Amino acid sequence: MRFTYAWDSTTGNQADLSSCTVGEIVTYQDSRNPWPFPSPPFPPDAYTNPTVIDLAATLPGFQDDHKLTPYTTFVKPYSTSSFPATQYYRYRCSGGKYVYIVGPLSIVRSVNQNADGTWNFTVTKPTNGLATINPLP
């Protein structure tokens, strides 16, 4: 999913955004806590559920945690699995309340084996269909 946003301030000074963050919160239907991230693409280390990411609003771009190009190594062995979740994008300033920009989105991350024995990883979002890595390395 891609969306574009622009910030504004009463003074027009970008420094006014130094206390603001933009991010996402993803709540998986798996209720275990600590919660093991689905693999791939993340390693099977335990993290909390929901997953929360907040980055400085002054950065030139935003990183979606549930992307197809992982920043960690794909972990093997693969296994057939499906991980449904609800995702919101949001921002806040000066530690105040979050303001939701986009969401709720229903997303599903899944790993499946192909007929030839290779594996594929798919992220499905209702706003833009699906994206896949096929075959997984």
C-alpha atoms as a PDB file:
ATOM      1  CA  MET A   1       0.000   0.000   0.000  1.00  0.00           C
ATOM      2  CA  ARG A   2       1.218   3.488  -0.730  1.00  0.00           C
ATOM      3  CA  PHE A   3      -0.156   6.762   0.548  1.00  0.00           C
ATOM      4  CA  THR A   4       1.216  10.284   0.454  1.00  0.00           C
ATOM      5  CA  TYR A   5       0.895  12.792   3.256  1.00  0.00           C
ATOM      6  CA  ALA A   6       2.095  16.352   3.799  1.00  0.00           C
ATOM      7  CA  TRP A   7       2.745  18.191   7.042  1.00  0.00           C
ATOM      8  CA  ASP A   8       1.882  21.798   7.801  1.00  0.00           C
ATOM      9  CA  SER A   9       2.563  24.048  10.758  1.00  0.00           C
ATOM     10  CA  THR A  10       1.311  27.432  11.830  1.00  0.00           C
ATOM     11  CA  THR A  11       4.825  28.869  11.348  1.00  0.00           C
ATOM     12  CA  GLY A  12       5.851  26.915   8.239  1.00  0.00           C
ATOM     13  CA  ASN A  13       8.993  25.771  10.058  1.00  0.00           C
ATOM     14  CA  GLN A  14       9.916  22.091   9.619  1.00  0.00           C
ATOM     15  CA  ALA A  15      11.471  22.130  13.110  1.00  0.00           C
ATOM     16  CA  ASP A  16       7.907  22.298  14.467  1.00  0.00           C
ATOM     17  CA  LEU A  17       7.673  18.615  13.483  1.00  0.00           C
ATOM     18  CA  SER A  18      10.644  17.561  15.609  1.00  0.00           C
ATOM     19  CA  SER A  19       8.295  16.324  18.333  1.00  0.00           C
ATOM     20  CA  CYS A  20       6.026  14.404  15.924  1.00  0.00           C
ATOM     21  CA  THR A  21       6.165  10.778  14.829  1.00  0.00           C
ATOM     22  CA  VAL A  22       4.416   8.804  12.110  1.00  0.00           C
ATOM     23  CA  GLY A  23       4.008   5.061  12.264  1.00  0.00           C
ATOM     24  CA  GLU A  24       1.850   1.994  12.261  1.00  0.00           C
ATOM     25  CA  ILE A  25       0.271  -0.460  14.637  1.00  0.00           C
ATOM     26  CA  VAL A  26      -0.428  -4.030  13.518  1.00  0.00           C
ATOM     27  CA  THR A  27      -2.398  -6.396  15.711  1.00  0.00           C
ATOM     28  CA  TYR A  28      -2.212 -10.057  14.783  1.00  0.00           C
ATOM     29  CA  GLN A  29      -5.082 -12.398  15.598  1.00  0.00           C
ATOM     30  CA  ASP A  30      -2.620 -14.726  17.314  1.00  0.00           C
ATOM     31  CA  SER A  31      -2.976 -13.724  20.965  1.00  0.00           C
ATOM     32  CA  ARG A  32       0.253 -15.222  22.367  1.00  0.00           C
ATOM     33  CA  ASN A  33       2.431 -12.717  24.188  1.00  0.00           C
ATOM     34  CA  PRO A  34       5.354 -12.601  23.786  1.00  0.00           C
ATOM     35  CA  TRP A  35       4.401 -13.225  20.221  1.00  0.00           C
ATOM     36  CA  PRO A  36       6.648 -14.909  17.598  1.00  0.00           C
ATOM     37  CA  PHE A  37       6.840 -12.948  14.364  1.00  0.00           C
ATOM     38  CA  PRO A  38       5.733 -15.040  11.398  1.00  0.00           C
ATOM     39  CA  SER A  39       8.651 -16.257   9.363  1.00  0.00           C
ATOM     40  CA  PRO A  40       9.440 -15.320   6.671  1.00  0.00           C
ATOM     41  CA  PRO A  41      10.580 -12.663   6.466  1.00  0.00           C
ATOM     42  CA  PHE A  42      11.311 -12.077  10.131  1.00  0.00           C
ATOM     43  CA  PRO A  43      13.326 -14.387  12.399  1.00  0.00           C
ATOM     44  CA  PRO A  44      11.337 -16.433  14.902  1.00  0.00           C
ATOM     45  CA  ASP A  45      12.318 -14.207  17.824  1.00  0.00           C
ATOM     46  CA  ALA A  46       9.569 -13.283  20.273  1.00  0.00           C
ATOM     47  CA  TYR A  47       8.112  -9.769  20.093  1.00  0.00           C
ATOM     48  CA  THR A  48       4.998  -8.201  21.509  1.00  0.00           C
ATOM     49  CA  ASN A  49       1.666  -8.194  19.726  1.00  0.00           C
ATOM     50  CA  PRO A  50       0.616  -5.623  18.558  1.00  0.00           C
ATOM     51  CA  THR A  51       3.650  -4.492  16.588  1.00  0.00           C
ATOM     52  CA  VAL A  52       4.182  -0.727  16.910  1.00  0.00           C
ATOM     53  CA  ILE A  53       6.555   1.377  14.813  1.00  0.00           C
ATOM     54  CA  ASP A  54       6.970   5.139  15.249  1.00  0.00           C
ATOM     55  CA  LEU A  55       9.509   7.133  13.247  1.00  0.00           C
ATOM     56  CA  ALA A  56      10.381  10.825  13.254  1.00  0.00           C
ATOM     57  CA  ALA A  57       7.975  12.837  11.109  1.00  0.00           C
ATOM     58  CA  THR A  58      10.929  14.790   9.709  1.00  0.00           C
ATOM     59  CA  LEU A  59      12.308  11.730   7.892  1.00  0.00           C
ATOM     60  CA  PRO A  60      11.900  11.790   4.093  1.00  0.00           C
ATOM     61  CA  GLY A  61      10.024   8.464   3.948  1.00  0.00           C
ATOM     62  CA  PHE A  62       8.264   5.839   6.008  1.00  0.00           C
ATOM     63  CA  GLN A  63       9.062   2.149   6.400  1.00  0.00           C
ATOM     64  CA  ASP A  64       6.163  -0.282   6.476  1.00  0.00           C
ATOM     65  CA  ASP A  65       7.009  -3.144   8.832  1.00  0.00           C
ATOM     66  CA  HIS A  66       4.916  -5.588   6.801  1.00  0.00           C
ATOM     67  CA  LYS A  67       6.770  -5.258   3.558  1.00  0.00           C
ATOM     68  CA  LEU A  68       8.041  -7.784   1.066  1.00  0.00           C
ATOM     69  CA  THR A  69      11.727  -6.805   1.101  1.00  0.00           C
ATOM     70  CA  PRO A  70      12.931  -7.856   4.547  1.00  0.00           C
ATOM     71  CA  TYR A  71      15.704  -6.083   6.415  1.00  0.00           C
ATOM     72  CA  THR A  72      16.647  -9.419   7.987  1.00  0.00           C
ATOM     73  CA  THR A  73      17.491 -12.780   6.497  1.00  0.00           C
ATOM     74  CA  PHE A  74      14.772 -15.147   5.381  1.00  0.00           C
ATOM     75  CA  VAL A  75      14.610 -17.896   7.996  1.00  0.00           C
ATOM     76  CA  LYS A  76      14.342 -21.554   7.056  1.00  0.00           C
ATOM     77  CA  PRO A  77      12.788 -24.048   7.231  1.00  0.00           C
ATOM     78  CA  TYR A  78       9.619 -22.598   5.712  1.00  0.00           C
ATOM     79  CA  SER A  79       6.230 -23.978   6.671  1.00  0.00           C
ATOM     80  CA  THR A  80       2.717 -23.404   5.416  1.00  0.00           C
ATOM     81  CA  SER A  81       1.139 -20.710   7.564  1.00  0.00           C
ATOM     82  CA  SER A  82      -1.169 -17.710   7.514  1.00  0.00           C
ATOM     83  CA  PHE A  83      -1.082 -14.657   9.767  1.00  0.00           C
ATOM     84  CA  PRO A  84      -4.151 -12.362   9.628  1.00  0.00           C
ATOM     85  CA  ALA A  85      -3.869  -8.926  11.229  1.00  0.00           C
ATOM     86  CA  THR A  86      -5.394  -5.455  11.466  1.00  0.00           C
ATOM     87  CA  GLN A  87      -3.182  -2.511  10.482  1.00  0.00           C
ATOM     88  CA  TYR A  88      -3.470   1.256  11.097  1.00  0.00           C
ATOM     89  CA  TYR A  89      -1.176   4.111  10.062  1.00  0.00           C
ATOM     90  CA  ARG A  90      -1.085   7.019  12.498  1.00  0.00           C
ATOM     91  CA  TYR A  91       0.828  10.005  13.843  1.00  0.00           C
ATOM     92  CA  ARG A  92       1.160  11.972  17.059  1.00  0.00           C
ATOM     93  CA  CYS A  93       2.982  15.060  18.291  1.00  0.00           C
ATOM     94  CA  SER A  94       4.574  15.873  21.653  1.00  0.00           C
ATOM     95  CA  GLY A  95       3.564  12.494  23.097  1.00  0.00           C
ATOM     96  CA  GLY A  96      -0.124  13.342  22.646  1.00  0.00           C
ATOM     97  CA  LYS A  97      -2.878  11.073  21.405  1.00  0.00           C
ATOM     98  CA  TYR A  98      -2.488   9.198  18.150  1.00  0.00           C
ATOM     99  CA  VAL A  99      -4.378  10.452  15.102  1.00  0.00           C
ATOM    100  CA  TYR A 100      -5.218   7.652  12.671  1.00  0.00           C
ATOM    101  CA  ILE A 101      -4.432   8.369   9.009  1.00  0.00           C
ATOM    102  CA  VAL A 102      -5.377   5.067   7.317  1.00  0.00           C
ATOM    103  CA  GLY A 103      -7.126   1.992   8.685  1.00  0.00           C
ATOM    104  CA  PRO A 104      -8.292  -0.356   9.799  1.00  0.00           C
ATOM    105  CA  LEU A 105      -6.832  -2.498   7.035  1.00  0.00           C
ATOM    106  CA  SER A 106      -7.168  -6.265   7.089  1.00  0.00           C
ATOM    107  CA  ILE A 107      -3.866  -7.793   6.045  1.00  0.00           C
ATOM    108  CA  VAL A 108      -2.761 -11.399   5.728  1.00  0.00           C
ATOM    109  CA  ARG A 109       0.833 -12.633   5.518  1.00  0.00           C
ATOM    110  CA  SER A 110       1.059 -16.203   4.267  1.00  0.00           C
ATOM    111  CA  VAL A 111       3.662 -18.784   3.338  1.00  0.00           C
ATOM    112  CA  ASN A 112       2.757 -21.607   0.953  1.00  0.00           C
ATOM    113  CA  GLN A 113       4.572 -24.346  -0.918  1.00  0.00           C
ATOM    114  CA  ASN A 114       4.370 -24.455  -4.718  1.00  0.00           C
ATOM    115  CA  ALA A 115       3.734 -27.662  -6.665  1.00  0.00           C
ATOM    116  CA  ASP A 116       7.427 -27.805  -7.625  1.00  0.00           C
ATOM    117  CA  GLY A 117       8.528 -27.775  -3.963  1.00  0.00           C
ATOM    118  CA  THR A 118       9.593 -24.108  -3.841  1.00  0.00           C
ATOM    119  CA  TRP A 119       7.930 -21.680  -1.407  1.00  0.00           C
ATOM    120  CA  ASN A 120       6.210 -18.318  -1.793  1.00  0.00           C
ATOM    121  CA  PHE A 121       5.482 -15.478   0.627  1.00  0.00           C
ATOM    122  CA  THR A 122       2.416 -13.298   0.028  1.00  0.00           C
ATOM    123  CA  VAL A 123       1.107 -10.148   1.688  1.00  0.00           C
ATOM    124  CA  THR A 124      -2.541  -9.415   0.953  1.00  0.00           C
ATOM    125  CA  LYS A 125      -4.134  -6.022   1.634  1.00  0.00           C
ATOM    126  CA  PRO A 126      -7.657  -5.184   0.502  1.00  0.00           C
ATOM    127  CA  THR A 127      -6.661  -1.770  -0.847  1.00  0.00           C
ATOM    128  CA  ASN A 128      -4.281  -3.023  -3.526  1.00  0.00           C
ATOM    129  CA  GLY A 129      -4.659  -6.769  -3.865  1.00  0.00           C
ATOM    130  CA  LEU A 130      -1.544  -8.762  -3.140  1.00  0.00           C
ATOM    131  CA  ALA A 131       2.209  -8.849  -3.568  1.00  0.00           C
ATOM    132  CA  THR A 132       4.360 -11.927  -3.478  1.00  0.00           C
ATOM    133  CA  ILE A 133       7.911 -13.206  -3.444  1.00  0.00           C
ATOM    134  CA  ASN A 134       7.864 -16.371  -5.520  1.00  0.00           C
ATOM    135  CA  PRO A 135       9.927 -18.403  -5.120  1.00  0.00           C
ATOM    136  CA  LEU A 136      11.402 -17.606  -1.720  1.00  0.00           C
ATOM    137  CA  PRO A 137      15.217 -17.707  -1.711  1.00  0.00           C
END
